Amino acid sequence: QDDVDLQKKNIPYIGEVLLGHVRYGTFGKNSV
């Protein structure tokens, strides 16, 4: 809970570099 080192080591998605994307399926294909 209050240990950032343990959070970073053990919890996914927490990081220093993050990339997000929102998309329209231009070609009509929309599988994941």
PDB file of all heavy atoms in Angstrom:
ATOM      1  N   GLN A   1       0.804  -1.223   0.000  1.00  0.00           N
ATOM      2  CA  GLN A   1       0.000   0.000   0.000  1.00  0.00           C
ATOM      3  C   GLN A   1       0.840   1.277   0.000  1.00  0.00           C
ATOM      4  O   GLN A   1       0.582   2.203  -0.765  1.00  0.00           O
ATOM      5  CB  GLN A   1      -0.930  -0.001   1.218  1.00  0.00           C
ATOM      6  CG  GLN A   1      -2.056   1.022   1.141  1.00  0.00           C
ATOM      7  CD  GLN A   1      -3.100   0.685   0.079  1.00  0.00           C
ATOM      8  OE1 GLN A   1      -3.578  -0.429   0.018  1.00  0.00           O
ATOM      9  NE2 GLN A   1      -3.414   1.664  -0.770  1.00  0.00           N
ATOM     10  N   ASP A   2       1.842   1.338   0.843  1.00  0.00           N
ATOM     11  CA  ASP A   2       2.641   2.570   0.958  1.00  0.00           C
ATOM     12  C   ASP A   2       4.088   2.363   0.537  1.00  0.00           C
ATOM     13  O   ASP A   2       4.940   3.213   0.824  1.00  0.00           O
ATOM     14  CB  ASP A   2       2.585   3.088   2.400  1.00  0.00           C
ATOM     15  CG  ASP A   2       1.179   3.541   2.779  1.00  0.00           C
ATOM     16  OD1 ASP A   2       0.602   4.347   2.012  1.00  0.00           O
ATOM     17  OD2 ASP A   2       0.667   3.082   3.816  1.00  0.00           O
ATOM     18  N   ASP A   3       4.352   1.266  -0.129  1.00  0.00           N
ATOM     19  CA  ASP A   3       5.723   0.972  -0.561  1.00  0.00           C
ATOM     20  C   ASP A   3       5.796   1.022  -2.092  1.00  0.00           C
ATOM     21  O   ASP A   3       5.388   0.084  -2.783  1.00  0.00           O
ATOM     22  CB  ASP A   3       6.144  -0.417  -0.049  1.00  0.00           C
ATOM     23  CG  ASP A   3       7.642  -0.653  -0.208  1.00  0.00           C
ATOM     24  OD1 ASP A   3       8.199  -0.215  -1.249  1.00  0.00           O
ATOM     25  OD2 ASP A   3       8.234  -1.279   0.685  1.00  0.00           O
ATOM     26  N   VAL A   4       6.319   2.118  -2.600  1.00  0.00           N
ATOM     27  CA  VAL A   4       6.345   2.323  -4.058  1.00  0.00           C
ATOM     28  C   VAL A   4       7.245   1.300  -4.745  1.00  0.00           C
ATOM     29  O   VAL A   4       6.929   0.813  -5.844  1.00  0.00           O
ATOM     30  CB  VAL A   4       6.795   3.774  -4.392  1.00  0.00           C
ATOM     31  CG1 VAL A   4       6.958   3.962  -5.900  1.00  0.00           C
ATOM     32  CG2 VAL A   4       5.792   4.786  -3.863  1.00  0.00           C
ATOM     33  N   ASP A   5       8.350   0.947  -4.110  1.00  0.00           N
ATOM     34  CA  ASP A   5       9.253  -0.035  -4.718  1.00  0.00           C
ATOM     35  C   ASP A   5       8.557  -1.382  -4.919  1.00  0.00           C
ATOM     36  O   ASP A   5       8.698  -2.027  -5.962  1.00  0.00           O
ATOM     37  CB  ASP A   5      10.509  -0.224  -3.846  1.00  0.00           C
ATOM     38  CG  ASP A   5      11.435   0.982  -3.915  1.00  0.00           C
ATOM     39  OD1 ASP A   5      11.330   1.742  -4.919  1.00  0.00           O
ATOM     40  OD2 ASP A   5      12.225   1.188  -2.982  1.00  0.00           O
ATOM     41  N   LEU A   6       7.788  -1.814  -3.911  1.00  0.00           N
ATOM     42  CA  LEU A   6       7.062  -3.083  -4.027  1.00  0.00           C
ATOM     43  C   LEU A   6       5.949  -2.979  -5.075  1.00  0.00           C
ATOM     44  O   LEU A   6       5.675  -3.929  -5.811  1.00  0.00           O
ATOM     45  CB  LEU A   6       6.468  -3.484  -2.663  1.00  0.00           C
ATOM     46  CG  LEU A   6       7.458  -4.021  -1.620  1.00  0.00           C
ATOM     47  CD1 LEU A   6       6.742  -4.283  -0.303  1.00  0.00           C
ATOM     48  CD2 LEU A   6       8.126  -5.308  -2.125  1.00  0.00           C
ATOM     49  N   GLN A   7       5.294  -1.824  -5.129  1.00  0.00           N
ATOM     50  CA  GLN A   7       4.251  -1.616  -6.139  1.00  0.00           C
ATOM     51  C   GLN A   7       4.848  -1.739  -7.544  1.00  0.00           C
ATOM     52  O   GLN A   7       4.293  -2.432  -8.404  1.00  0.00           O
ATOM     53  CB  GLN A   7       3.607  -0.231  -5.965  1.00  0.00           C
ATOM     54  CG  GLN A   7       2.706  -0.118  -4.759  1.00  0.00           C
ATOM     55  CD  GLN A   7       2.151   1.290  -4.589  1.00  0.00           C
ATOM     56  OE1 GLN A   7       2.362   2.156  -5.424  1.00  0.00           O
ATOM     57  NE2 GLN A   7       1.447   1.523  -3.489  1.00  0.00           N
ATOM     58  N   LYS A   8       5.961  -1.059  -7.756  1.00  0.00           N
ATOM     59  CA  LYS A   8       6.585  -1.090  -9.090  1.00  0.00           C
ATOM     60  C   LYS A   8       7.047  -2.498  -9.450  1.00  0.00           C
ATOM     61  O   LYS A   8       6.874  -2.960 -10.584  1.00  0.00           O
ATOM     62  CB  LYS A   8       7.767  -0.121  -9.138  1.00  0.00           C
ATOM     63  CG  LYS A   8       8.469  -0.097 -10.484  1.00  0.00           C
ATOM     64  CD  LYS A   8       9.553   0.953 -10.539  1.00  0.00           C
ATOM     65  CE  LYS A   8      10.342   0.827 -11.826  1.00  0.00           C
ATOM     66  NZ  LYS A   8      11.403   1.849 -11.948  1.00  0.00           N
ATOM     67  N   LYS A   9       7.582  -3.197  -8.481  1.00  0.00           N
ATOM     68  CA  LYS A   9       8.109  -4.538  -8.735  1.00  0.00           C
ATOM     69  C   LYS A   9       7.003  -5.553  -9.010  1.00  0.00           C
ATOM     70  O   LYS A   9       7.135  -6.414  -9.881  1.00  0.00           O
ATOM     71  CB  LYS A   9       8.934  -4.999  -7.522  1.00  0.00           C
ATOM     72  CG  LYS A   9       9.538  -6.379  -7.684  1.00  0.00           C
ATOM     73  CD  LYS A   9      10.362  -6.761  -6.461  1.00  0.00           C
ATOM     74  CE  LYS A   9      10.926  -8.175  -6.606  1.00  0.00           C
ATOM     75  NZ  LYS A   9      11.711  -8.570  -5.421  1.00  0.00           N
ATOM     76  N   ASN A  10       5.868  -5.421  -8.334  1.00  0.00           N
ATOM     77  CA  ASN A  10       4.878  -6.498  -8.351  1.00  0.00           C
ATOM     78  C   ASN A  10       3.553  -6.187  -9.047  1.00  0.00           C
ATOM     79  O   ASN A  10       2.787  -7.101  -9.364  1.00  0.00           O
ATOM     80  CB  ASN A  10       4.565  -6.922  -6.901  1.00  0.00           C
ATOM     81  CG  ASN A  10       5.779  -7.511  -6.211  1.00  0.00           C
ATOM     82  OD1 ASN A  10       6.248  -8.589  -6.586  1.00  0.00           O
ATOM     83  ND2 ASN A  10       6.306  -6.799  -5.227  1.00  0.00           N
ATOM     84  N   ILE A  11       3.273  -4.909  -9.277  1.00  0.00           N
ATOM     85  CA  ILE A  11       1.969  -4.555  -9.859  1.00  0.00           C
ATOM     86  C   ILE A  11       2.157  -4.129 -11.313  1.00  0.00           C
ATOM     87  O   ILE A  11       2.957  -3.234 -11.596  1.00  0.00           O
ATOM     88  CB  ILE A  11       1.285  -3.417  -9.058  1.00  0.00           C
ATOM     89  CG1 ILE A  11       1.072  -3.863  -7.603  1.00  0.00           C
ATOM     90  CG2 ILE A  11      -0.051  -3.046  -9.695  1.00  0.00           C
ATOM     91  CD1 ILE A  11       0.451  -2.794  -6.714  1.00  0.00           C
ATOM     92  N   PRO A  12       1.454  -4.771 -12.234  1.00  0.00           N
ATOM     93  CA  PRO A  12       1.598  -4.391 -13.642  1.00  0.00           C
ATOM     94  C   PRO A  12       1.006  -2.999 -13.920  1.00  0.00           C
ATOM     95  O   PRO A  12       0.254  -2.468 -13.094  1.00  0.00           O
ATOM     96  CB  PRO A  12       0.818  -5.474 -14.391  1.00  0.00           C
ATOM     97  CG  PRO A  12      -0.161  -5.990 -13.398  1.00  0.00           C
ATOM     98  CD  PRO A  12       0.490  -5.858 -12.059  1.00  0.00           C
ATOM     99  N   TYR A  13       1.346  -2.457 -15.067  1.00  0.00           N
ATOM    100  CA  TYR A  13       0.829  -1.175 -15.601  1.00  0.00           C
ATOM    101  C   TYR A  13       1.448   0.054 -14.959  1.00  0.00           C
ATOM    102  O   TYR A  13       1.387   1.137 -15.516  1.00  0.00           O
ATOM    103  CB  TYR A  13      -0.705  -1.085 -15.495  1.00  0.00           C
ATOM    104  CG  TYR A  13      -1.411  -2.272 -16.088  1.00  0.00           C
ATOM    105  CD1 TYR A  13      -2.166  -3.138 -15.288  1.00  0.00           C
ATOM    106  CD2 TYR A  13      -1.303  -2.567 -17.451  1.00  0.00           C
ATOM    107  CE1 TYR A  13      -2.808  -4.238 -15.834  1.00  0.00           C
ATOM    108  CE2 TYR A  13      -1.942  -3.666 -18.006  1.00  0.00           C
ATOM    109  CZ  TYR A  13      -2.685  -4.505 -17.187  1.00  0.00           C
ATOM    110  OH  TYR A  13      -3.316  -5.597 -17.721  1.00  0.00           O
ATOM    111  N   ILE A  14       2.030  -0.083 -13.755  1.00  0.00           N
ATOM    112  CA  ILE A  14       2.695   1.072 -13.153  1.00  0.00           C
ATOM    113  C   ILE A  14       4.081   1.172 -13.796  1.00  0.00           C
ATOM    114  O   ILE A  14       4.850   0.221 -13.768  1.00  0.00           O
ATOM    115  CB  ILE A  14       2.861   0.895 -11.628  1.00  0.00           C
ATOM    116  CG1 ILE A  14       1.505   0.690 -10.971  1.00  0.00           C
ATOM    117  CG2 ILE A  14       3.565   2.097 -11.032  1.00  0.00           C
ATOM    118  CD1 ILE A  14       1.601   0.290  -9.527  1.00  0.00           C
ATOM    119  N   GLY A  15       4.372   2.324 -14.383  1.00  0.00           N
ATOM    120  CA  GLY A  15       5.677   2.492 -15.017  1.00  0.00           C
ATOM    121  C   GLY A  15       5.959   3.952 -15.262  1.00  0.00           C
ATOM    122  O   GLY A  15       5.120   4.819 -15.007  1.00  0.00           O
ATOM    123  N   GLU A  16       7.149   4.215 -15.783  1.00  0.00           N
ATOM    124  CA  GLU A  16       7.545   5.602 -16.056  1.00  0.00           C
ATOM    125  C   GLU A  16       7.253   6.027 -17.492  1.00  0.00           C
ATOM    126  O   GLU A  16       7.249   7.212 -17.807  1.00  0.00           O
ATOM    127  CB  GLU A  16       9.040   5.786 -15.769  1.00  0.00           C
ATOM    128  CG  GLU A  16       9.427   5.674 -14.314  1.00  0.00           C
ATOM    129  CD  GLU A  16       9.732   4.255 -13.855  1.00  0.00           C
ATOM    130  OE1 GLU A  16       9.441   3.293 -14.610  1.00  0.00           O
ATOM    131  OE2 GLU A  16      10.269   4.092 -12.753  1.00  0.00           O
ATOM    132  N   VAL A  17       7.044   5.050 -18.386  1.00  0.00           N
ATOM    133  CA  VAL A  17       6.790   5.364 -19.797  1.00  0.00           C
ATOM    134  C   VAL A  17       5.451   4.735 -20.185  1.00  0.00           C
ATOM    135  O   VAL A  17       5.274   3.519 -20.059  1.00  0.00           O
ATOM    136  CB  VAL A  17       7.913   4.822 -20.719  1.00  0.00           C
ATOM    137  CG1 VAL A  17       7.871   5.520 -22.072  1.00  0.00           C
ATOM    138  CG2 VAL A  17       9.289   4.985 -20.086  1.00  0.00           C
ATOM    139  N   LEU A  18       4.512   5.560 -20.640  1.00  0.00           N
ATOM    140  CA  LEU A  18       3.165   5.063 -20.919  1.00  0.00           C
ATOM    141  C   LEU A  18       2.699   5.523 -22.297  1.00  0.00           C
ATOM    142  O   LEU A  18       2.967   6.659 -22.706  1.00  0.00           O
ATOM    143  CB  LEU A  18       2.185   5.564 -19.855  1.00  0.00           C
ATOM    144  CG  LEU A  18       2.563   5.292 -18.390  1.00  0.00           C
ATOM    145  CD1 LEU A  18       3.176   6.545 -17.772  1.00  0.00           C
ATOM    146  CD2 LEU A  18       1.362   4.883 -17.567  1.00  0.00           C
ATOM    147  N   LEU A  19       1.994   4.632 -22.983  1.00  0.00           N
ATOM    148  CA  LEU A  19       1.499   4.934 -24.330  1.00  0.00           C
ATOM    149  C   LEU A  19       0.037   4.517 -24.424  1.00  0.00           C
ATOM    150  O   LEU A  19      -0.329   3.389 -24.080  1.00  0.00           O
ATOM    151  CB  LEU A  19       2.326   4.171 -25.373  1.00  0.00           C
ATOM    152  CG  LEU A  19       1.966   4.347 -26.852  1.00  0.00           C
ATOM    153  CD1 LEU A  19       2.057   5.806 -27.274  1.00  0.00           C
ATOM    154  CD2 LEU A  19       2.877   3.489 -27.723  1.00  0.00           C
ATOM    155  N   GLY A  20      -0.815   5.439 -24.878  1.00  0.00           N
ATOM    156  CA  GLY A  20      -2.237   5.151 -25.046  1.00  0.00           C
ATOM    157  C   GLY A  20      -2.678   5.404 -26.470  1.00  0.00           C
ATOM    158  O   GLY A  20      -2.077   6.209 -27.191  1.00  0.00           O
ATOM    159  N   HIS A  21      -3.753   4.739 -26.876  1.00  0.00           N
ATOM    160  CA  HIS A  21      -4.238   4.870 -28.256  1.00  0.00           C
ATOM    161  C   HIS A  21      -5.742   4.646 -28.296  1.00  0.00           C
ATOM    162  O   HIS A  21      -6.266   3.747 -27.637  1.00  0.00           O
ATOM    163  CB  HIS A  21      -3.553   3.832 -29.151  1.00  0.00           C
ATOM    164  CG  HIS A  21      -3.823   4.013 -30.610  1.00  0.00           C
ATOM    165  ND1 HIS A  21      -4.853   3.370 -31.267  1.00  0.00           N
ATOM    166  CD2 HIS A  21      -3.203   4.761 -31.547  1.00  0.00           C
ATOM    167  CE1 HIS A  21      -4.839   3.725 -32.545  1.00  0.00           C
ATOM    168  NE2 HIS A  21      -3.855   4.569 -32.737  1.00  0.00           N
ATOM    169  N   VAL A  22      -6.443   5.499 -29.044  1.00  0.00           N
ATOM    170  CA  VAL A  22      -7.855   5.267 -29.342  1.00  0.00           C
ATOM    171  C   VAL A  22      -7.994   5.150 -30.851  1.00  0.00           C
ATOM    172  O   VAL A  22      -7.314   5.838 -31.604  1.00  0.00           O
ATOM    173  CB  VAL A  22      -8.760   6.385 -28.786  1.00  0.00           C
ATOM    174  CG1 VAL A  22      -8.814   6.314 -27.276  1.00  0.00           C
ATOM    175  CG2 VAL A  22      -8.311   7.767 -29.239  1.00  0.00           C
ATOM    176  N   ARG A  23      -8.908   4.277 -31.303  1.00  0.00           N
ATOM    177  CA  ARG A  23      -8.892   3.869 -32.705  1.00  0.00           C
ATOM    178  C   ARG A  23     -10.287   3.793 -33.308  1.00  0.00           C
ATOM    179  O   ARG A  23     -11.236   3.394 -32.653  1.00  0.00           O
ATOM    180  CB  ARG A  23      -8.245   2.483 -32.801  1.00  0.00           C
ATOM    181  CG  ARG A  23      -8.312   1.836 -34.166  1.00  0.00           C
ATOM    182  CD  ARG A  23      -7.744   0.426 -34.102  1.00  0.00           C
ATOM    183  NE  ARG A  23      -7.659  -0.175 -35.423  1.00  0.00           N
ATOM    184  CZ  ARG A  23      -8.612  -0.896 -35.991  1.00  0.00           C
ATOM    185  NH1 ARG A  23      -9.739  -1.123 -35.343  1.00  0.00           N
ATOM    186  NH2 ARG A  23      -8.449  -1.410 -37.194  1.00  0.00           N
ATOM    187  N   TYR A  24     -10.343   4.186 -34.574  1.00  0.00           N
ATOM    188  CA  TYR A  24     -11.486   3.848 -35.418  1.00  0.00           C
ATOM    189  C   TYR A  24     -11.045   2.738 -36.368  1.00  0.00           C
ATOM    190  O   TYR A  24      -9.937   2.782 -36.898  1.00  0.00           O
ATOM    191  CB  TYR A  24     -11.940   5.050 -36.246  1.00  0.00           C
ATOM    192  CG  TYR A  24     -13.050   5.844 -35.618  1.00  0.00           C
ATOM    193  CD1 TYR A  24     -12.859   7.151 -35.213  1.00  0.00           C
ATOM    194  CD2 TYR A  24     -14.312   5.286 -35.438  1.00  0.00           C
ATOM    195  CE1 TYR A  24     -13.887   7.888 -34.632  1.00  0.00           C
ATOM    196  CE2 TYR A  24     -15.345   6.019 -34.857  1.00  0.00           C
ATOM    197  CZ  TYR A  24     -15.119   7.310 -34.468  1.00  0.00           C
ATOM    198  OH  TYR A  24     -16.139   8.032 -33.897  1.00  0.00           O
ATOM    199  N   GLY A  25     -11.924   1.765 -36.597  1.00  0.00           N
ATOM    200  CA  GLY A  25     -11.595   0.657 -37.497  1.00  0.00           C
ATOM    201  C   GLY A  25     -11.782   1.076 -38.944  1.00  0.00           C
ATOM    202  O   GLY A  25     -12.786   0.747 -39.565  1.00  0.00           O
ATOM    203  N   THR A  26     -10.810   1.821 -39.493  1.00  0.00           N
ATOM    204  CA  THR A  26     -10.929   2.417 -40.830  1.00  0.00           C
ATOM    205  C   THR A  26     -11.214   1.381 -41.902  1.00  0.00           C
ATOM    206  O   THR A  26     -11.955   1.623 -42.838  1.00  0.00           O
ATOM    207  CB  THR A  26      -9.628   3.173 -41.177  1.00  0.00           C
ATOM    208  OG1 THR A  26      -9.324   4.044 -40.098  1.00  0.00           O
ATOM    209  CG2 THR A  26      -9.787   3.991 -42.430  1.00  0.00           C
ATOM    210  N   PHE A  27     -10.607   0.226 -41.789  1.00  0.00           N
ATOM    211  CA  PHE A  27     -10.749  -0.784 -42.833  1.00  0.00           C
ATOM    212  C   PHE A  27     -11.895  -1.744 -42.565  1.00  0.00           C
ATOM    213  O   PHE A  27     -12.025  -2.761 -43.213  1.00  0.00           O
ATOM    214  CB  PHE A  27      -9.442  -1.570 -43.006  1.00  0.00           C
ATOM    215  CG  PHE A  27      -8.385  -0.799 -43.699  1.00  0.00           C
ATOM    216  CD1 PHE A  27      -7.485  -0.036 -42.983  1.00  0.00           C
ATOM    217  CD2 PHE A  27      -8.291  -0.799 -45.083  1.00  0.00           C
ATOM    218  CE1 PHE A  27      -6.499   0.691 -43.619  1.00  0.00           C
ATOM    219  CE2 PHE A  27      -7.309  -0.067 -45.730  1.00  0.00           C
ATOM    220  CZ  PHE A  27      -6.422   0.678 -44.997  1.00  0.00           C
ATOM    221  N   GLY A  28     -12.716  -1.425 -41.589  1.00  0.00           N
ATOM    222  CA  GLY A  28     -13.854  -2.299 -41.310  1.00  0.00           C
ATOM    223  C   GLY A  28     -13.476  -3.489 -40.442  1.00  0.00           C
ATOM    224  O   GLY A  28     -14.318  -4.218 -39.974  1.00  0.00           O
ATOM    225  N   LYS A  29     -12.147  -3.696 -40.223  1.00  0.00           N
ATOM    226  CA  LYS A  29     -11.704  -4.793 -39.359  1.00  0.00           C
ATOM    227  C   LYS A  29     -11.622  -4.255 -37.943  1.00  0.00           C
ATOM    228  O   LYS A  29     -11.011  -3.218 -37.715  1.00  0.00           O
ATOM    229  CB  LYS A  29     -10.313  -5.293 -39.777  1.00  0.00           C
ATOM    230  CG  LYS A  29     -10.271  -5.935 -41.142  1.00  0.00           C
ATOM    231  CD  LYS A  29      -8.900  -6.528 -41.436  1.00  0.00           C
ATOM    232  CE  LYS A  29      -7.810  -5.508 -41.478  1.00  0.00           C
ATOM    233  NZ  LYS A  29      -6.503  -6.030 -41.861  1.00  0.00           N
ATOM    234  N   ASN A  30     -12.192  -4.964 -37.013  1.00  0.00           N
ATOM    235  CA  ASN A  30     -12.111  -4.453 -35.655  1.00  0.00           C
ATOM    236  C   ASN A  30     -11.946  -5.580 -34.647  1.00  0.00           C
ATOM    237  O   ASN A  30     -12.606  -5.621 -33.632  1.00  0.00           O
ATOM    238  CB  ASN A  30     -13.333  -3.598 -35.315  1.00  0.00           C
ATOM    239  CG  ASN A  30     -13.024  -2.659 -34.167  1.00  0.00           C
ATOM    240  OD1 ASN A  30     -11.904  -2.181 -34.062  1.00  0.00           O
ATOM    241  ND2 ASN A  30     -13.981  -2.423 -33.301  1.00  0.00           N
ATOM    242  N   SER A  31     -11.030  -6.490 -34.936  1.00  0.00           N
ATOM    243  CA  SER A  31     -10.674  -7.498 -33.950  1.00  0.00           C
ATOM    244  C   SER A  31      -9.671  -6.862 -32.997  1.00  0.00           C
ATOM    245  O   SER A  31      -9.048  -5.849 -33.309  1.00  0.00           O
ATOM    246  CB  SER A  31     -10.033  -8.711 -34.635  1.00  0.00           C
ATOM    247  OG  SER A  31      -8.800  -8.338 -35.211  1.00  0.00           O
ATOM    248  N   VAL A  32      -9.500  -7.461 -31.824  1.00  0.00           N
ATOM    249  CA  VAL A  32      -8.579  -6.883 -30.844  1.00  0.00           C
ATOM    250  C   VAL A  32      -7.140  -6.903 -31.376  1.00  0.00           C
ATOM    251  O   VAL A  32      -6.313  -6.076 -30.992  1.00  0.00           O
ATOM    252  CB  VAL A  32      -8.713  -7.612 -29.485  1.00  0.00           C
ATOM    253  CG1 VAL A  32      -8.020  -8.978 -29.518  1.00  0.00           C
ATOM    254  CG2 VAL A  32      -8.181  -6.739 -28.345  1.00  0.00           C
TER     255      VAL A  32
END
